[in-house]
Amino acid sequence: MPFIPKYSHEEVEHMIAGGGLSAFEVYRLKHQHPLNRLTHVIGIPTIVASIAVPLFAWFAWRVLAWKEWMILSVVGWGLQLLGHAIEGNQPAFLGGWTALFSPPSIVTTTCAKPLAS
């Protein structure tokens, strides 16, 4: 059964252009497709790990973990781009670098909600 979004791309862009939406609301509107959400739930922690793993390796063992950084970065960002190709829209960070900080907090909040219940 094909996925039918609640709002079309045109409606989403019109709602965002109207303003007054929180970062969470904009994120939800731009990530309606379940496969896009899945790629983000996996890809965003992978990108975070691409930063955390090499830093830990450097401070713990004074090892430059560039291969791990490269693999985790390519996989994480690849999943992000795949998700947006499925959704049919551009990643939010193309509109400004500050958009890079919202997804990790939103995915963390989204994943933590079922655990809190």
Protein backbone atom coordinates (compact mmCIF):
# COMPACT_ATOMS: atom_id res chain seq x y z
CA MET A 1 0.00 0.00 0.00
CA PRO A 2 1.59 3.32 -1.03
CA PHE A 3 2.22 6.02 1.54
CA ILE A 4 -0.09 9.02 1.31
CA PRO A 5 1.23 12.04 3.24
CA LYS A 6 -1.09 14.05 5.45
CA TYR A 7 0.13 17.27 3.77
CA SER A 8 1.45 17.77 0.23
CA HIS A 9 4.87 19.34 -0.35
CA GLU A 10 3.16 22.55 -1.43
CA GLU A 11 1.05 22.65 1.75
CA VAL A 12 4.13 22.00 3.88
CA GLU A 13 6.09 24.81 2.24
CA HIS A 14 3.10 27.17 2.61
CA MET A 15 2.73 26.31 6.31
CA ILE A 16 6.45 26.84 6.93
CA ALA A 17 6.49 30.12 4.99
CA GLY A 18 3.57 31.33 7.13
CA GLY A 19 5.82 31.13 10.19
CA GLY A 20 4.88 30.57 13.80
CA LEU A 21 5.96 26.92 13.81
CA SER A 22 8.41 25.42 16.27
CA ALA A 23 11.49 23.54 15.04
CA PHE A 24 9.76 20.31 16.08
CA GLU A 25 6.67 21.13 14.00
CA VAL A 26 8.78 21.99 10.94
CA TYR A 27 10.75 18.76 11.39
CA ARG A 28 7.54 16.69 11.60
CA LEU A 29 6.11 18.33 8.47
CA LYS A 30 9.28 17.66 6.47
CA HIS A 31 9.53 14.05 7.70
CA GLN A 32 6.10 12.53 7.08
CA HIS A 33 7.16 9.32 5.30
CA PRO A 34 7.85 6.44 7.73
CA LEU A 35 10.95 5.33 5.79
CA ASN A 36 12.37 8.84 5.98
CA ARG A 37 11.80 8.82 9.73
CA LEU A 38 13.46 5.40 9.99
CA THR A 39 16.53 6.55 8.06
CA HIS A 40 16.78 9.51 10.45
CA VAL A 41 16.37 7.41 13.58
CA ILE A 42 19.34 5.33 12.41
CA GLY A 43 21.32 8.00 10.54
CA ILE A 44 21.37 10.78 13.14
CA PRO A 45 22.84 8.62 15.94
CA THR A 46 25.35 7.31 13.38
CA ILE A 47 26.44 10.87 12.60
CA VAL A 48 26.73 11.62 16.33
CA ALA A 49 28.81 8.45 16.71
CA SER A 50 31.02 9.60 13.82
CA ILE A 51 32.05 12.47 16.08
CA ALA A 52 32.01 10.69 19.46
CA VAL A 53 33.93 7.53 18.50
CA PRO A 54 37.02 9.29 17.08
CA LEU A 55 37.05 11.77 19.99
CA PHE A 56 36.88 8.92 22.48
CA ALA A 57 39.63 7.02 20.62
CA TRP A 58 41.83 10.11 20.66
CA PHE A 59 41.38 10.93 24.34
CA ALA A 60 41.44 7.31 25.55
CA TRP A 61 44.26 5.89 23.43
CA ARG A 62 45.72 8.81 21.45
CA VAL A 63 44.64 7.02 18.28
CA LEU A 64 43.42 8.92 15.24
CA ALA A 65 40.32 6.92 14.22
CA TRP A 66 39.91 8.47 10.77
CA LYS A 67 38.63 5.26 9.13
CA GLU A 68 35.86 4.95 11.70
CA TRP A 69 35.01 8.62 11.26
CA MET A 70 34.86 8.23 7.48
CA ILE A 71 32.69 5.08 7.54
CA LEU A 72 30.26 6.39 10.15
CA SER A 73 29.98 9.78 8.42
CA VAL A 74 29.30 8.31 4.99
CA VAL A 75 26.72 5.86 6.36
CA GLY A 76 24.98 8.47 8.53
CA TRP A 77 24.81 11.20 5.90
CA GLY A 78 23.95 8.67 3.22
CA LEU A 79 20.92 7.56 5.25
CA GLN A 80 19.87 11.19 5.66
CA LEU A 81 20.03 11.85 1.94
CA LEU A 82 18.27 8.56 1.14
CA GLY A 83 15.44 9.47 3.52
CA HIS A 84 14.95 12.85 1.89
CA ALA A 85 15.04 11.27 -1.58
CA ILE A 86 12.24 8.96 -0.42
CA GLU A 87 10.33 11.91 1.05
CA GLY A 88 10.94 14.00 -2.05
CA ASN A 89 12.30 17.11 -0.34
CA GLN A 90 15.63 18.70 0.55
CA PRO A 91 17.32 18.23 3.92
CA ALA A 92 16.64 21.17 6.24
CA PHE A 93 20.34 21.91 6.75
CA LEU A 94 20.54 23.16 3.16
CA GLY A 95 18.53 26.15 4.38
CA GLY A 96 21.02 27.05 7.11
CA TRP A 97 23.61 25.44 9.36
CA THR A 98 21.54 25.98 12.53
CA ALA A 99 19.14 23.30 11.28
CA LEU A 100 21.86 20.72 12.01
CA PHE A 101 21.20 21.00 15.76
CA SER A 102 17.46 20.31 15.78
CA PRO A 103 17.36 16.72 14.44
CA PRO A 104 19.49 15.10 17.18
CA SER A 105 17.33 16.61 19.92
CA ILE A 106 14.09 15.78 18.09
CA VAL A 107 15.10 12.16 17.41
CA THR A 108 16.21 11.77 21.04
CA THR A 109 12.88 13.15 22.27
CA THR A 110 10.90 10.98 19.86
CA CYS A 111 12.77 7.81 20.85
CA ALA A 112 12.55 8.59 24.57
CA LYS A 113 8.76 9.13 24.61
CA PRO A 114 7.86 5.40 24.41
CA LEU A 115 10.42 4.65 27.13
CA ALA A 116 8.88 7.26 29.46
CA SER A 117 5.38 5.80 29.14
